[in-house]
N, C-alpha and C. Protein backbone atom coordinates (compact mmCIF):
# COMPACT_ATOMS: atom_id res chain seq x y z
N UNK A 1 4.05 25.96 -9.54
CA UNK A 1 4.17 24.65 -10.19
C UNK A 1 2.98 24.10 -10.77
N UNK A 2 3.02 23.75 -12.30
CA UNK A 2 1.62 23.04 -12.90
C UNK A 2 2.38 21.61 -13.22
N UNK A 3 1.55 20.83 -12.95
CA UNK A 3 1.31 19.34 -13.41
C UNK A 3 0.91 19.23 -14.40
N UNK A 4 1.54 18.04 -15.63
CA UNK A 4 0.55 17.77 -16.58
C UNK A 4 -0.02 16.75 -16.58
N UNK A 5 -1.17 16.71 -16.82
CA UNK A 5 -2.04 15.66 -16.93
C UNK A 5 -2.05 14.62 -18.19
N UNK A 6 -1.27 13.72 -18.28
CA UNK A 6 -1.35 13.26 -19.53
C UNK A 6 -2.53 11.75 -19.63
N UNK A 7 -3.45 11.87 -20.34
CA UNK A 7 -4.66 11.05 -20.20
C UNK A 7 -3.97 9.81 -21.54
N UNK A 8 -3.86 8.74 -21.10
CA UNK A 8 -3.43 7.84 -22.52
C UNK A 8 -4.81 6.85 -22.48
N UNK A 9 -5.17 6.26 -23.56
CA UNK A 9 -6.22 4.99 -23.56
C UNK A 9 -5.66 3.69 -24.19
N UNK A 10 -5.77 2.52 -23.77
CA UNK A 10 -5.96 1.56 -24.18
C UNK A 10 -7.53 0.63 -24.31
N UNK A 11 -7.46 -0.32 -25.39
CA UNK A 11 -8.62 -1.15 -25.35
C UNK A 11 -8.38 -2.42 -24.95
N UNK A 12 -9.33 -3.53 -24.45
CA UNK A 12 -9.12 -4.97 -24.71
C UNK A 12 -10.79 -5.28 -25.24
N UNK A 13 -10.62 -6.61 -25.34
CA UNK A 13 -11.60 -7.30 -25.79
C UNK A 13 -11.92 -8.05 -24.40
N UNK A 14 -13.22 -8.38 -24.52
CA UNK A 14 -13.40 -9.27 -23.36
C UNK A 14 -13.60 -10.39 -23.93
N UNK A 15 -12.77 -11.77 -23.19
CA UNK A 15 -12.52 -13.21 -23.75
C UNK A 15 -13.13 -14.10 -22.64
N UNK A 16 -13.50 -15.45 -23.11
CA UNK A 16 -14.07 -16.36 -22.26
C UNK A 16 -12.78 -16.69 -21.57
N UNK A 17 -12.86 -17.29 -20.28
CA UNK A 17 -12.00 -18.01 -19.31
C UNK A 17 -12.68 -18.90 -18.85
N UNK A 18 -12.35 -20.29 -19.11
CA UNK A 18 -13.29 -21.18 -18.57
C UNK A 18 -14.78 -20.86 -18.70
N UNK A 19 -15.60 -20.39 -17.60
CA UNK A 19 -16.81 -20.37 -17.39
C UNK A 19 -17.15 -19.06 -16.92
N UNK A 20 -15.78 -18.25 -17.22
CA UNK A 20 -15.99 -16.70 -16.77
C UNK A 20 -15.57 -15.83 -17.85
N UNK A 21 -15.54 -14.41 -17.76
CA UNK A 21 -15.39 -13.52 -18.83
C UNK A 21 -13.80 -13.23 -17.87
N UNK A 22 -12.68 -12.78 -18.97
CA UNK A 22 -11.89 -12.07 -18.75
C UNK A 22 -11.28 -11.39 -19.41
N UNK A 23 -10.31 -10.22 -18.98
CA UNK A 23 -9.75 -9.14 -19.78
C UNK A 23 -8.42 -9.36 -19.27
N UNK A 24 -7.10 -9.26 -20.66
CA UNK A 24 -5.88 -9.01 -20.14
C UNK A 24 -5.47 -7.81 -19.87
N UNK A 25 -4.65 -7.53 -18.98
CA UNK A 25 -3.87 -5.82 -18.83
C UNK A 25 -2.71 -5.83 -19.49
N UNK A 26 -3.10 -4.73 -20.43
CA UNK A 26 -1.71 -4.10 -21.33
C UNK A 26 -0.46 -3.82 -20.48
N UNK A 27 0.22 -4.24 -21.22
CA UNK A 27 1.89 -4.01 -20.50
C UNK A 27 2.10 -2.32 -20.07
N UNK A 28 1.46 -1.34 -20.64
CA UNK A 28 1.54 -0.13 -20.34
C UNK A 28 0.56 0.11 -19.06
N UNK A 29 -0.48 -0.59 -18.65
CA UNK A 29 -1.16 -0.39 -17.28
C UNK A 29 -0.15 -1.07 -16.42
N UNK A 30 0.25 -2.65 -16.81
CA UNK A 30 1.22 -3.18 -15.45
C UNK A 30 2.36 -2.27 -14.96
N UNK A 31 2.99 -1.97 -16.09
CA UNK A 31 4.06 -0.75 -15.91
C UNK A 31 3.74 0.35 -15.28
N UNK A 32 2.52 0.95 -15.26
CA UNK A 32 2.39 2.27 -14.54
C UNK A 32 1.60 1.83 -13.15
N UNK A 33 1.08 0.50 -13.10
CA UNK A 33 0.70 0.34 -11.59
C UNK A 33 1.77 -0.31 -10.93
N UNK A 34 3.01 -0.67 -11.60
CA UNK A 34 3.89 -1.22 -11.03
C UNK A 34 3.45 -2.77 -10.62
N UNK A 35 3.09 -3.41 -11.34
CA UNK A 35 2.22 -4.81 -11.36
C UNK A 35 2.73 -5.93 -11.72
N UNK A 36 3.38 -7.07 -11.12
CA UNK A 36 4.11 -8.19 -11.68
C UNK A 36 3.51 -9.18 -11.52
N UNK A 37 3.69 -10.32 -11.90
CA UNK A 37 3.00 -11.18 -11.99
C UNK A 37 3.29 -12.06 -10.47
N UNK A 38 1.85 -12.38 -10.05
CA UNK A 38 1.80 -12.49 -8.59
C UNK A 38 1.17 -11.40 -7.74
N UNK A 39 1.18 -10.27 -8.13
CA UNK A 39 0.79 -9.33 -7.24
C UNK A 39 -0.79 -9.47 -6.97
N UNK A 40 -1.46 -9.08 -6.42
CA UNK A 40 -3.00 -8.91 -6.19
C UNK A 40 -3.42 -7.37 -6.40
N UNK A 41 -4.42 -7.29 -7.10
CA UNK A 41 -4.99 -5.86 -7.46
C UNK A 41 -6.59 -5.78 -6.88
N UNK A 42 -6.79 -4.39 -6.53
CA UNK A 42 -7.96 -4.43 -5.94
C UNK A 42 -8.85 -3.28 -6.79
N UNK A 43 -10.11 -3.89 -6.93
CA UNK A 43 -11.07 -2.95 -7.48
C UNK A 43 -11.96 -2.42 -6.76
N UNK A 44 -12.13 -0.72 -7.31
CA UNK A 44 -12.71 -0.22 -6.37
C UNK A 44 -14.08 0.58 -7.36
N UNK A 45 -15.59 0.42 -6.80
CA UNK A 45 -16.44 0.95 -7.71
C UNK A 45 -16.76 2.13 -7.54
N UNK A 46 -17.26 3.31 -8.01
CA UNK A 46 -17.87 4.35 -7.31
C UNK A 46 -18.66 5.20 -8.41
N UNK A 47 -19.80 5.46 -8.55
CA UNK A 47 -20.45 6.24 -9.50
C UNK A 47 -20.73 5.67 -11.07
N UNK A 48 -20.58 4.30 -11.18
CA UNK A 48 -20.33 3.92 -12.84
C UNK A 48 -19.08 3.87 -12.87
N UNK A 49 -17.86 3.80 -12.32
CA UNK A 49 -16.60 4.05 -13.07
C UNK A 49 -16.19 2.71 -11.68
N UNK A 50 -14.86 1.95 -12.61
CA UNK A 50 -13.85 1.10 -11.66
C UNK A 50 -12.60 1.58 -11.77
N UNK A 51 -12.06 1.19 -10.51
CA UNK A 51 -10.78 1.92 -10.71
C UNK A 51 -9.93 0.47 -10.07
N UNK A 52 -8.73 0.50 -10.84
CA UNK A 52 -7.74 -0.68 -10.36
C UNK A 52 -6.81 -0.02 -9.76
N UNK A 53 -6.20 -0.89 -8.33
CA UNK A 53 -4.83 -0.42 -7.90
C UNK A 53 -4.34 -1.46 -7.81
N UNK A 54 -3.04 -1.19 -7.49
CA UNK A 54 -2.34 -2.45 -6.88
C UNK A 54 -2.49 -2.37 -5.33
N UNK A 55 -2.53 -3.91 -4.98
CA UNK A 55 -3.14 -4.06 -3.72
C UNK A 55 -1.65 -3.89 -2.58
N UNK A 56 -1.58 -3.18 -1.33
CA UNK A 56 -0.26 -2.62 -0.80
C UNK A 56 -0.38 -3.38 0.23
N UNK A 57 0.33 -4.34 0.43
CA UNK A 57 0.70 -5.21 1.64
C UNK A 57 1.30 -4.49 2.65
N UNK A 58 0.47 -4.38 3.96
CA UNK A 58 0.69 -3.97 4.71
C UNK A 58 1.42 -4.53 5.87
N UNK A 59 2.50 -4.32 6.63
CA UNK A 59 3.35 -5.24 7.85
C UNK A 59 2.13 -4.52 9.31
N UNK A 60 1.64 -5.55 10.14
CA UNK A 60 0.63 -5.20 10.91
C UNK A 60 1.46 -5.14 11.87
N UNK A 61 0.80 -3.89 12.76
CA UNK A 61 1.71 -4.02 14.35
C UNK A 61 1.58 -4.96 14.99
N UNK A 62 2.31 -5.39 16.18
CA UNK A 62 2.33 -6.88 16.68
C UNK A 62 0.42 -6.73 17.38
N UNK A 63 -0.09 -8.16 17.41
CA UNK A 63 -1.55 -8.00 18.10
C UNK A 63 -2.54 -7.26 17.23
N UNK A 64 -2.13 -7.15 15.97
CA UNK A 64 -3.37 -6.64 14.92
C UNK A 64 -3.64 -7.89 13.98
N UNK A 65 -4.66 -7.97 14.15
CA UNK A 65 -5.23 -9.45 13.23
C UNK A 65 -5.87 -9.09 12.40
N UNK A 66 -5.25 -9.45 11.12
CA UNK A 66 -5.51 -9.32 9.74
C UNK A 66 -6.93 -9.08 9.30
N UNK A 67 -7.46 -10.47 9.88
CA UNK A 67 -8.80 -10.46 9.52
C UNK A 67 -9.65 -9.27 10.08
N UNK A 68 -9.16 -8.59 11.10
CA UNK A 68 -9.98 -7.20 12.19
C UNK A 68 -9.85 -6.41 11.02
N UNK A 69 -8.68 -6.20 10.45
CA UNK A 69 -8.17 -5.13 9.73
C UNK A 69 -9.05 -5.20 8.67
N UNK A 70 -9.10 -6.27 7.92
CA UNK A 70 -10.17 -6.34 6.72
C UNK A 70 -11.48 -6.10 7.06
N UNK A 71 -12.16 -6.65 8.49
CA UNK A 71 -13.53 -6.06 8.84
C UNK A 71 -13.72 -4.50 8.83
N UNK A 72 -12.57 -4.21 9.48
CA UNK A 72 -12.72 -2.48 9.81
C UNK A 72 -12.69 -2.05 7.90
N UNK A 73 -11.62 -2.35 7.55
CA UNK A 73 -11.95 -1.43 6.21
C UNK A 73 -12.96 -1.65 5.27
N UNK A 74 -13.92 -3.06 5.32
CA UNK A 74 -15.21 -3.10 4.81
C UNK A 74 -16.18 -2.18 5.32
N UNK A 75 -15.96 -2.18 6.71
CA UNK A 75 -16.92 -1.26 7.60
C UNK A 75 -16.92 0.42 7.25
N UNK A 76 -15.46 0.95 6.93
CA UNK A 76 -15.17 2.24 6.32
C UNK A 76 -15.60 2.34 5.02
N UNK A 77 -15.34 1.57 4.12
CA UNK A 77 -16.01 1.33 2.78
C UNK A 77 -17.46 1.53 2.87
N UNK A 78 -18.03 0.52 3.44
CA UNK A 78 -19.50 0.75 3.55
C UNK A 78 -20.47 2.13 3.82
N UNK A 79 -19.80 2.69 5.21
CA UNK A 79 -20.01 3.89 5.90
C UNK A 79 -19.47 5.04 5.27
N UNK A 80 -18.57 5.10 4.09
CA UNK A 80 -17.86 6.27 3.88
C UNK A 80 -18.19 7.44 3.59
N UNK A 81 -19.47 7.40 2.95
CA UNK A 81 -20.08 8.77 2.68
C UNK A 81 -20.83 9.25 4.57
N UNK A 82 -21.57 8.23 5.04
CA UNK A 82 -21.68 8.75 6.35
C UNK A 82 -20.53 9.80 7.22
N UNK A 83 -19.26 8.56 7.08
CA UNK A 83 -18.00 9.03 7.65
C UNK A 83 -17.75 10.86 6.94
N UNK A 84 -17.96 10.85 5.95
CA UNK A 84 -17.46 12.18 5.04
C UNK A 84 -18.57 13.27 5.42
N UNK A 85 -19.76 13.07 5.67
CA UNK A 85 -20.76 13.94 6.32
C UNK A 85 -20.62 14.60 7.75
N UNK A 86 -20.27 13.57 8.45
CA UNK A 86 -19.91 13.75 9.87
C UNK A 86 -18.77 14.90 10.20
N UNK A 87 -17.91 15.02 8.96
CA UNK A 87 -16.64 15.74 8.72
C UNK A 87 -17.01 17.11 9.10
N UNK A 88 -17.94 17.46 8.37
CA UNK A 88 -18.63 18.71 8.21
C UNK A 88 -19.33 19.34 9.19
N UNK A 89 -19.81 18.69 10.67
CA UNK A 89 -20.72 18.69 11.99
C UNK A 89 -19.68 19.70 12.39
């Protein structure tokens, strides 16, 4: 089975929003990521590229604190390359 990869592009202009700069998301992007008003999104930075993903709300098991989970996530992201090199040892 082969998968067809379709690469589409859309462009937007950066505009001023108060004291900040902003970019609107085209409808095609919102539909592709299944984002609706009020959803949170996450920006991931890697090698000069930015990836936008819909933030997924996880139901935490009883006794797991959301703040602890966020700290663990930050630590994992910070040491991602180190963890990857340990896999091959």
